[in-house]
C-alpha atoms as a PDB file:
ATOM      1  CA  MET A   1     126.707 110.540 -80.729  1.00  0.00           C
ATOM      2  CA  LYS A   2     123.586 110.326 -82.833  1.00  0.00           C
ATOM      3  CA  THR A   3     121.844 113.130 -84.673  1.00  0.00           C
ATOM      4  CA  PRO A   4     119.132 114.685 -82.443  1.00  0.00           C
ATOM      5  CA  ARG A   5     115.575 113.604 -83.146  1.00  0.00           C
ATOM      6  CA  SER A   6     114.700 117.231 -83.816  1.00  0.00           C
ATOM      7  CA  ALA A   7     117.214 117.544 -86.661  1.00  0.00           C
ATOM      8  CA  PRO A   8     115.342 118.130 -89.936  1.00  0.00           C
ATOM      9  CA  VAL A   9     116.009 117.144 -93.504  1.00  0.00           C
ATOM     10  CA  VAL A  10     117.084 120.406 -95.163  1.00  0.00           C
ATOM     11  CA  VAL A  11     116.631 121.227 -98.851  1.00  0.00           C
ATOM     12  CA  GLY A  12     118.207 124.201-100.574  1.00  0.00           C
ATOM     13  CA  VAL A  13     116.132 125.767-103.379  1.00  0.00           C
ATOM     14  CA  ASN A  14     116.815 128.546-105.864  1.00  0.00           C
ATOM     15  CA  GLY A  15     113.733 128.591-108.083  1.00  0.00           C
ATOM     16  CA  THR A  16     114.968 126.050-110.646  1.00  0.00           C
ATOM     17  CA  SER A  17     113.452 122.728-111.700  1.00  0.00           C
ATOM     18  CA  ALA A  18     116.505 121.037-110.177  1.00  0.00           C
ATOM     19  CA  GLY A  19     115.594 122.613-106.855  1.00  0.00           C
ATOM     20  CA  LEU A  20     112.057 121.215-107.101  1.00  0.00           C
ATOM     21  CA  ALA A  21     113.474 117.740-107.806  1.00  0.00           C
ATOM     22  CA  ALA A  22     115.525 118.134-104.638  1.00  0.00           C
ATOM     23  CA  VAL A  23     112.396 119.139-102.705  1.00  0.00           C
ATOM     24  CA  ARG A  24     110.549 116.029-103.832  1.00  0.00           C
ATOM     25  CA  LEU A  25     113.475 113.811-102.833  1.00  0.00           C
ATOM     26  CA  GLY A  26     113.819 115.668 -99.547  1.00  0.00           C
ATOM     27  CA  ALA A  27     110.133 115.156 -98.793  1.00  0.00           C
ATOM     28  CA  ARG A  28     110.427 111.395 -99.323  1.00  0.00           C
ATOM     29  CA  GLU A  29     113.523 111.238 -97.152  1.00  0.00           C
ATOM     30  CA  ALA A  30     111.921 113.282 -94.381  1.00  0.00           C
ATOM     31  CA  VAL A  31     108.828 111.074 -94.196  1.00  0.00           C
ATOM     32  CA  ALA A  32     110.891 107.871 -94.352  1.00  0.00           C
ATOM     33  CA  ARG A  33     113.091 109.103 -91.503  1.00  0.00           C
ATOM     34  CA  GLY A  34     110.266 110.540 -89.403  1.00  0.00           C
ATOM     35  CA  ARG A  35     111.785 114.030 -89.654  1.00  0.00           C
ATOM     36  CA  LYS A  36     110.497 117.445 -90.528  1.00  0.00           C
ATOM     37  CA  LEU A  37     111.426 118.970 -93.884  1.00  0.00           C
ATOM     38  CA  ARG A  38     112.920 122.457 -93.917  1.00  0.00           C
ATOM     39  CA  VAL A  39     113.046 124.212 -97.284  1.00  0.00           C
ATOM     40  CA  VAL A  40     115.651 126.984 -97.356  1.00  0.00           C
ATOM     41  CA  HIS A  41     116.254 129.782 -99.864  1.00  0.00           C
ATOM     42  CA  ALA A  42     119.344 131.949 -99.461  1.00  0.00           C
ATOM     43  CA  PHE A  43     118.459 135.561-100.239  1.00  0.00           C
ATOM     44  CA  THR A  44     121.043 137.941-101.620  1.00  0.00           C
ATOM     45  CA  TRP A  45     120.495 141.269-103.339  1.00  0.00           C
ATOM     46  CA  PRO A  46     120.075 140.415-107.045  1.00  0.00           C
ATOM     47  CA  ASP A  47     122.824 141.371-109.482  1.00  0.00           C
ATOM     48  CA  GLN A  48     121.344 144.236-111.481  1.00  0.00           C
ATOM     49  CA  SER A  49     124.246 144.674-113.873  1.00  0.00           C
ATOM     50  CA  PHE A  50     124.380 143.636-117.525  1.00  0.00           C
ATOM     51  CA  GLY A  51     120.763 144.518-118.205  1.00  0.00           C
ATOM     52  CA  ALA A  52     119.225 142.431-115.409  1.00  0.00           C
ATOM     53  CA  PRO A  53     115.699 143.513-114.357  1.00  0.00           C
ATOM     54  CA  GLN A  54     115.697 146.380-111.890  1.00  0.00           C
ATOM     55  CA  LEU A  55     113.953 145.147-108.747  1.00  0.00           C
ATOM     56  CA  SER A  56     113.264 146.967-105.545  1.00  0.00           C
ATOM     57  CA  TYR A  57     114.141 145.233-102.295  1.00  0.00           C
ATOM     58  CA  SER A  58     110.477 144.484-101.604  1.00  0.00           C
ATOM     59  CA  GLN A  59     109.993 143.039-105.094  1.00  0.00           C
ATOM     60  CA  ALA A  60     113.076 140.853-104.758  1.00  0.00           C
ATOM     61  CA  ARG A  61     111.893 139.646-101.381  1.00  0.00           C
ATOM     62  CA  ARG A  62     108.464 138.792-102.798  1.00  0.00           C
ATOM     63  CA  GLU A  63     110.108 136.775-105.575  1.00  0.00           C
ATOM     64  CA  ALA A  64     112.108 134.873-102.954  1.00  0.00           C
ATOM     65  CA  GLY A  65     108.871 134.185-101.094  1.00  0.00           C
ATOM     66  CA  LYS A  66     107.340 132.744-104.265  1.00  0.00           C
ATOM     67  CA  ILE A  67     110.295 130.373-104.624  1.00  0.00           C
ATOM     68  CA  ILE A  68     109.683 129.066-101.111  1.00  0.00           C
ATOM     69  CA  ASP A  69     105.902 128.832-101.631  1.00  0.00           C
ATOM     70  CA  ARG A  70     106.315 126.803-104.832  1.00  0.00           C
ATOM     71  CA  ALA A  71     108.805 124.492-103.180  1.00  0.00           C
ATOM     72  CA  VAL A  72     106.644 123.888-100.094  1.00  0.00           C
ATOM     73  CA  ALA A  73     103.645 123.188-102.327  1.00  0.00           C
ATOM     74  CA  ALA A  74     105.690 120.726-104.410  1.00  0.00           C
ATOM     75  CA  ALA A  75     106.764 118.869-101.276  1.00  0.00           C
ATOM     76  CA  SER A  76     103.191 118.609 -99.992  1.00  0.00           C
ATOM     77  CA  ARG A  77     101.824 117.434-103.352  1.00  0.00           C
ATOM     78  CA  SER A  78     104.529 114.846-103.942  1.00  0.00           C
ATOM     79  CA  THR A  79     104.586 113.305-100.455  1.00  0.00           C
ATOM     80  CA  PRO A  80     101.371 113.379 -98.426  1.00  0.00           C
ATOM     81  CA  GLY A  81     101.994 113.624 -94.703  1.00  0.00           C
ATOM     82  CA  VAL A  82     105.276 115.483 -94.952  1.00  0.00           C
ATOM     83  CA  ARG A  83     105.742 118.106 -92.233  1.00  0.00           C
ATOM     84  CA  VAL A  84     107.252 120.949 -94.190  1.00  0.00           C
ATOM     85  CA  SER A  85     108.187 124.542 -93.508  1.00  0.00           C
ATOM     86  CA  GLY A  86     109.997 127.106 -95.619  1.00  0.00           C
ATOM     87  CA  ILE A  87     112.371 129.888 -94.641  1.00  0.00           C
ATOM     88  CA  ILE A  88     114.228 132.683 -96.393  1.00  0.00           C
ATOM     89  CA  THR A  89     117.674 133.244 -94.922  1.00  0.00           C
ATOM     90  CA  ASP A  90     119.853 136.232 -95.767  1.00  0.00           C
ATOM     91  CA  GLY A  91     123.342 135.475 -96.982  1.00  0.00           C
ATOM     92  CA  PRO A  92     125.370 133.796 -99.737  1.00  0.00           C
ATOM     93  CA  PRO A  93     124.007 130.320-100.591  1.00  0.00           C
ATOM     94  CA  VAL A  94     127.127 128.364 -99.581  1.00  0.00           C
ATOM     95  CA  ARG A  95     127.363 130.035 -96.194  1.00  0.00           C
ATOM     96  CA  VAL A  96     123.633 129.606 -95.549  1.00  0.00           C
ATOM     97  CA  LEU A  97     123.584 125.933 -96.529  1.00  0.00           C
ATOM     98  CA  LEU A  98     126.706 125.039 -94.570  1.00  0.00           C
ATOM     99  CA  ARG A  99     125.244 126.683 -91.489  1.00  0.00           C
ATOM    100  CA  GLN A 100     122.041 124.690 -91.980  1.00  0.00           C
ATOM    101  CA  SER A 101     124.038 121.473 -92.388  1.00  0.00           C
ATOM    102  CA  ARG A 102     125.345 121.812 -88.825  1.00  0.00           C
ATOM    103  CA  MET A 103     121.819 121.172 -87.544  1.00  0.00           C
ATOM    104  CA  ALA A 104     120.489 118.762 -90.184  1.00  0.00           C
ATOM    105  CA  GLU A 105     119.920 115.030 -90.468  1.00  0.00           C
ATOM    106  CA  LEU A 106     120.467 115.267 -94.213  1.00  0.00           C
ATOM    107  CA  LEU A 107     121.125 118.058 -96.715  1.00  0.00           C
ATOM    108  CA  VAL A 108     119.467 117.723-100.138  1.00  0.00           C
ATOM    109  CA  LEU A 109     120.530 119.713-103.202  1.00  0.00           C
ATOM    110  CA  GLY A 110     119.593 119.810-106.869  1.00  0.00           C
ATOM    111  CA  ASP A 111     121.876 119.390-109.840  1.00  0.00           C
ATOM    112  CA  GLU A 112     123.415 122.521-111.235  1.00  0.00           C
ATOM    113  CA  ASP A 113     123.636 123.365-114.946  1.00  0.00           C
ATOM    114  CA  GLN A 114     124.501 120.103-116.692  1.00  0.00           C
ATOM    115  CA  SER A 115     125.370 121.818-119.987  1.00  0.00           C
ATOM    116  CA  ALA A 116     128.687 122.995-118.559  1.00  0.00           C
ATOM    117  CA  GLU A 117     131.684 120.783-119.341  1.00  0.00           C
ATOM    118  CA  GLU A 118     133.134 121.054-115.838  1.00  0.00           C
ATOM    119  CA  LEU A 119     131.764 121.902-112.417  1.00  0.00           C
ATOM    120  CA  PRO A 120     133.489 125.072-111.161  1.00  0.00           C
ATOM    121  CA  ILE A 121     135.238 124.683-107.822  1.00  0.00           C
ATOM    122  CA  ASP A 122     133.485 127.839-106.588  1.00  0.00           C
ATOM    123  CA  SER A 123     130.003 126.583-107.504  1.00  0.00           C
ATOM    124  CA  VAL A 124     127.369 126.288-104.788  1.00  0.00           C
ATOM    125  CA  LEU A 125     127.025 122.556-105.421  1.00  0.00           C
ATOM    126  CA  TYR A 126     130.750 121.797-105.200  1.00  0.00           C
ATOM    127  CA  GLN A 127     131.392 123.946-102.153  1.00  0.00           C
ATOM    128  CA  THR A 128     128.338 122.768-100.239  1.00  0.00           C
ATOM    129  CA  VAL A 129     128.687 119.045-100.913  1.00  0.00           C
ATOM    130  CA  SER A 130     132.413 119.032-100.205  1.00  0.00           C
ATOM    131  CA  ARG A 131     132.169 120.997 -96.952  1.00  0.00           C
ATOM    132  CA  SER A 132     128.807 119.918 -95.517  1.00  0.00           C
ATOM    133  CA  PHE A 133     128.716 118.979 -91.829  1.00  0.00           C
ATOM    134  CA  CYS A 134     126.092 116.283 -92.446  1.00  0.00           C
ATOM    135  CA  PRO A 135     125.550 113.757 -95.247  1.00  0.00           C
ATOM    136  CA  ALA A 136     124.627 115.563 -98.475  1.00  0.00           C
ATOM    137  CA  VAL A 137     122.604 114.047-101.308  1.00  0.00           C
ATOM    138  CA  VAL A 138     122.240 115.391-104.848  1.00  0.00           C
ATOM    139  CA  ALA A 139     118.864 114.736-106.485  1.00  0.00           C
ATOM    140  CA  ARG A 140     118.677 113.463-110.057  1.00  0.00           C
ATOM    141  CA  GLY A 141     115.688 113.467-112.376  1.00  0.00           C
ATOM    142  CA  PRO A 142     111.967 113.905-111.813  1.00  0.00           C
ATOM    143  CA  ARG A 143     111.021 110.448-110.503  1.00  0.00           C
ATOM    144  CA  PRO A 144     112.252 108.129-107.748  1.00  0.00           C
ATOM    145  CA  PRO A 145     114.642 105.532-109.221  1.00  0.00           C
ATOM    146  CA  SER A 146     114.382 101.824-108.456  1.00  0.00           C
ATOM    147  CA  GLY A 147     117.051  99.223-107.874  1.00  0.00           C
ATOM    148  CA  PRO A 148     119.475  98.544-105.027  1.00  0.00           C
ATOM    149  CA  LEU A 149     121.509 100.916-102.933  1.00  0.00           C
ATOM    150  CA  LEU A 150     125.046 101.030-104.312  1.00  0.00           C
ATOM    151  CA  ALA A 151     127.971 101.766-101.980  1.00  0.00           C
ATOM    152  CA  ALA A 152     131.410 102.337-103.477  1.00  0.00           C
ATOM    153  CA  VAL A 153     134.468 101.469-101.379  1.00  0.00           C
ATOM    154  CA  ASP A 154     138.153 102.177-101.955  1.00  0.00           C
ATOM    155  CA  GLY A 155     139.664 101.209 -98.605  1.00  0.00           C
ATOM    156  CA  SER A 156     139.619 104.737 -97.177  1.00  0.00           C
ATOM    157  CA  PRO A 157     138.068 105.552 -93.783  1.00  0.00           C
ATOM    158  CA  GLU A 158     135.595 107.818 -95.583  1.00  0.00           C
ATOM    159  CA  SER A 159     134.348 104.985 -97.779  1.00  0.00           C
ATOM    160  CA  LEU A 160     133.869 102.796 -94.707  1.00  0.00           C
ATOM    161  CA  SER A 161     131.793 105.571 -93.155  1.00  0.00           C
ATOM    162  CA  ALA A 162     129.711 105.566 -96.329  1.00  0.00           C
ATOM    163  CA  LEU A 163     129.348 101.789 -96.118  1.00  0.00           C
ATOM    164  CA  GLN A 164     128.165 102.005 -92.498  1.00  0.00           C
ATOM    165  CA  PHE A 165     125.649 104.652 -93.528  1.00  0.00           C
ATOM    166  CA  ALA A 166     124.552 102.441 -96.439  1.00  0.00           C
ATOM    167  CA  ALA A 167     123.974  99.509 -94.066  1.00  0.00           C
ATOM    168  CA  ASP A 168     121.685 101.652 -91.945  1.00  0.00           C
ATOM    169  CA  GLU A 169     119.850 102.905 -95.036  1.00  0.00           C
ATOM    170  CA  ALA A 170     119.375  99.420 -96.487  1.00  0.00           C
ATOM    171  CA  ALA A 171     117.897  98.196 -93.204  1.00  0.00           C
ATOM    172  CA  ARG A 172     115.608 101.201 -92.908  1.00  0.00           C
ATOM    173  CA  ARG A 173     114.391 100.998 -96.510  1.00  0.00           C
ATOM    174  CA  ALA A 174     114.301  97.164 -96.646  1.00  0.00           C
ATOM    175  CA  VAL A 175     116.070  97.192-100.013  1.00  0.00           C
ATOM    176  CA  PRO A 176     119.044  95.202-101.300  1.00  0.00           C
ATOM    177  CA  ILE A 177     122.531  96.634-101.227  1.00  0.00           C
ATOM    178  CA  GLU A 178     125.482  96.237-103.560  1.00  0.00           C
ATOM    179  CA  VAL A 179     129.039  97.053-102.532  1.00  0.00           C
ATOM    180  CA  ALA A 180     131.367  97.903-105.399  1.00  0.00           C
ATOM    181  CA  HIS A 181     135.100  98.343-105.761  1.00  0.00           C
ATOM    182  CA  VAL A 182     136.804  99.279-109.019  1.00  0.00           C
ATOM    183  CA  ILE A 183     140.230  98.078-110.112  1.00  0.00           C
ATOM    184  CA  THR A 184     141.879  99.801-113.046  1.00  0.00           C
ATOM    185  CA  LYS A 185     143.149  96.722-114.890  1.00  0.00           C
ATOM    186  CA  ARG A 186     143.128  92.966-114.860  1.00  0.00           C
ATOM    187  CA  GLY A 187     145.595  91.330-112.527  1.00  0.00           C
ATOM    188  CA  GLY A 188     144.376  93.187-109.485  1.00  0.00           C
ATOM    189  CA  GLU A 189     141.383  90.947-108.829  1.00  0.00           C
ATOM    190  CA  GLN A 190     142.827  89.236-105.774  1.00  0.00           C
ATOM    191  CA  ALA A 191     143.662  92.529-104.044  1.00  0.00           C
ATOM    192  CA  GLY A 192     140.286  93.924-105.055  1.00  0.00           C
ATOM    193  CA  ARG A 193     138.382  90.973-103.595  1.00  0.00           C
ATOM    194  CA  ARG A 194     140.423  91.255-100.406  1.00  0.00           C
ATOM    195  CA  LEU A 195     139.542  94.939-100.114  1.00  0.00           C
ATOM    196  CA  LEU A 196     135.845  94.130-100.534  1.00  0.00           C
ATOM    197  CA  ASP A 197     136.027  91.374 -97.907  1.00  0.00           C
ATOM    198  CA  ASP A 198     137.823  93.677 -95.465  1.00  0.00           C
ATOM    199  CA  ALA A 199     135.251  96.402 -95.992  1.00  0.00           C
ATOM    200  CA  LEU A 200     132.345  94.037 -95.339  1.00  0.00           C
ATOM    201  CA  ALA A 201     134.074  92.642 -92.253  1.00  0.00           C
ATOM    202  CA  ALA A 202     134.339  96.202 -90.907  1.00  0.00           C
ATOM    203  CA  VAL A 203     130.544  96.631 -91.135  1.00  0.00           C
ATOM    204  CA  PRO A 204     129.029  93.427 -89.719  1.00  0.00           C
ATOM    205  CA  GLU A 205     125.519  94.929 -89.815  1.00  0.00           C
ATOM    206  CA  LEU A 206     125.412  94.288 -93.562  1.00  0.00           C
ATOM    207  CA  HIS A 207     123.376  91.286 -94.655  1.00  0.00           C
ATOM    208  CA  ASP A 208     122.522  89.758 -98.032  1.00  0.00           C
ATOM    209  CA  VAL A 209     125.110  91.888 -99.788  1.00  0.00           C
ATOM    210  CA  ARG A 210     126.085  91.536-103.407  1.00  0.00           C
ATOM    211  CA  LYS A 211     129.774  92.233-103.928  1.00  0.00           C
ATOM    212  CA  ARG A 212     130.788  93.783-107.256  1.00  0.00           C
ATOM    213  CA  LEU A 213     134.385  93.903-108.434  1.00  0.00           C
ATOM    214  CA  LEU A 214     134.475  96.185-111.469  1.00  0.00           C
ATOM    215  CA  ILE A 215     137.297  96.893-113.916  1.00  0.00           C
ATOM    216  CA  GLY A 216     137.966 100.204-115.624  1.00  0.00           C
ATOM    217  CA  ASP A 217     138.373 103.866-114.905  1.00  0.00           C
ATOM    218  CA  PRO A 218     136.932 104.207-111.369  1.00  0.00           C
ATOM    219  CA  ALA A 219     134.921 107.371-111.970  1.00  0.00           C
ATOM    220  CA  MET A 220     133.323 106.424-115.290  1.00  0.00           C
ATOM    221  CA  THR A 221     132.773 102.817-114.207  1.00  0.00           C
ATOM    222  CA  LEU A 222     130.818 103.982-111.159  1.00  0.00           C
ATOM    223  CA  VAL A 223     128.901 106.531-113.227  1.00  0.00           C
ATOM    224  CA  ARG A 224     127.740 103.675-115.470  1.00  0.00           C
ATOM    225  CA  ALA A 225     126.886 101.512-112.453  1.00  0.00           C
ATOM    226  CA  SER A 226     124.778 104.341-111.035  1.00  0.00           C
ATOM    227  CA  ARG A 227     122.314 103.949-113.911  1.00  0.00           C
ATOM    228  CA  GLN A 228     120.890 100.806-112.278  1.00  0.00           C
ATOM    229  CA  ALA A 229     120.906 102.057-108.675  1.00  0.00           C
ATOM    230  CA  ARG A 230     118.292 103.577-106.418  1.00  0.00           C
ATOM    231  CA  MET A 231     120.968 105.664-104.729  1.00  0.00           C
ATOM    232  CA  MET A 232     124.762 105.694-104.687  1.00  0.00           C
ATOM    233  CA  LEU A 233     126.668 106.308-101.456  1.00  0.00           C
ATOM    234  CA  VAL A 234     130.301 107.373-101.419  1.00  0.00           C
ATOM    235  CA  GLY A 235     132.927 108.959 -99.227  1.00  0.00           C
ATOM    236  CA  PRO A 236     133.750 112.344-100.707  1.00  0.00           C
ATOM    237  CA  ARG A 237     137.506 112.655-100.284  1.00  0.00           C
ATOM    238  CA  GLY A 238     139.041 109.507-101.742  1.00  0.00           C
ATOM    239  CA  THR A 239     142.004 107.520-100.520  1.00  0.00           C
ATOM    240  CA  ASP A 240     144.434 110.337 -99.726  1.00  0.00           C
ATOM    241  CA  GLY A 241     141.908 112.678 -98.101  1.00  0.00           C
ATOM    242  CA  THR A 242     143.776 115.812 -99.189  1.00  0.00           C
ATOM    243  CA  GLN A 243     141.092 117.334-101.427  1.00  0.00           C
ATOM    244  CA  LEU A 244     137.647 118.706-100.698  1.00  0.00           C
ATOM    245  CA  LEU A 245     136.346 116.207-103.242  1.00  0.00           C
ATOM    246  CA  GLY A 246     138.385 113.318-104.572  1.00  0.00           C
ATOM    247  CA  PRO A 247     138.485 112.876-108.359  1.00  0.00           C
ATOM    248  CA  VAL A 248     136.006 109.982-108.340  1.00  0.00           C
ATOM    249  CA  ALA A 249     133.560 111.804-106.071  1.00  0.00           C
ATOM    250  CA  LEU A 250     133.819 114.880-108.283  1.00  0.00           C
ATOM    251  CA  GLN A 251     132.824 112.918-111.378  1.00  0.00           C
ATOM    252  CA  LEU A 252     129.943 111.276-109.509  1.00  0.00           C
ATOM    253  CA  LEU A 253     128.810 114.704-108.365  1.00  0.00           C
ATOM    254  CA  ARG A 254     128.919 115.912-111.937  1.00  0.00           C
ATOM    255  CA  ARG A 255     127.622 112.893-113.854  1.00  0.00           C
ATOM    256  CA  GLY A 256     125.925 110.440-111.482  1.00  0.00           C
ATOM    257  CA  ALA A 257     122.723 108.971-112.908  1.00  0.00           C
ATOM    258  CA  CYS A 258     120.920 108.383-109.610  1.00  0.00           C
ATOM    259  CA  PRO A 259     120.687 110.365-106.369  1.00  0.00           C
ATOM    260  CA  THR A 260     124.226 110.440-104.988  1.00  0.00           C
ATOM    261  CA  LEU A 261     124.850 110.668-101.263  1.00  0.00           C
ATOM    262  CA  PHE A 262     128.197 111.969-100.027  1.00  0.00           C
ATOM    263  CA  VAL A 263     128.811 110.699 -96.502  1.00  0.00           C
ATOM    264  CA  HIS A 264     131.182 112.813 -94.466  1.00  0.00           C
ATOM    265  CA  GLY A 265     132.992 111.483 -91.423  1.00  0.00           C
ATOM    266  CA  THR A 266     130.982 113.825 -89.228  1.00  0.00           C
ATOM    267  CA  THR A 267     127.255 114.409 -88.844  1.00  0.00           C
ATOM    268  CA  ALA A 268     125.191 117.264 -87.514  1.00  0.00           C
ATOM    269  CA  THR A 269     126.477 116.548 -84.045  1.00  0.00           C
ATOM    270  CA  GLY A 270     129.972 115.447 -84.995  1.00  0.00           C
ATOM    271  CA  HIS A 271     129.915 111.720 -84.308  1.00  0.00           C
END
């Protein structure tokens, strides 16, 4: 079952520069896909402890409205022709965004604080990306990157779903695609090449593909490879599928150098 034509691209914003980067990416994606862009801000009563400014409900609501207005304006300025609307939705950000992901073509989020050494498991970014009902992409940087699409495969069903999604994206964007697999040490080249061949055979829609067999720590090797990519596409749960985010996906979420798209096995309509 395909995503309905009415399904929008949804962007979550919180008033940060990272949120505005996500809006600009979301606007490009919406126009490219022929979809509307919905900018969403989750409103919760501000924490007024520890010396935080004392705001009335009406003041806090006005500030939330300004966040939406700035985001909608940024989308319109960055991508002429985008059909954009903004909404304020009451509730915790994770709950709001997951509910939106049930009805979305794509969910777009901004990076969280990159000064932190680790990404907390209870962070909005971790919880939303790992549990989204539709593909979720994390924006990086102020400008659109160039280069090929880069799909990482590890033999798992999730990575094959990501590869299928990447094939569709490469055809739609008319850009080259690279398919990468990482082995941890020399001596595994034959098995690695076989895994790449099997993955490509499972997605016959792929054409003019460059296969890349890389050697090293999988997470850091793919982080380095992401520096030359337009977008990286991965399955979020890894080979055993027991975690919300596999260890490689977690490092790509935290340190990826290009927009990183996490392709879940389900979409807005559960295909």
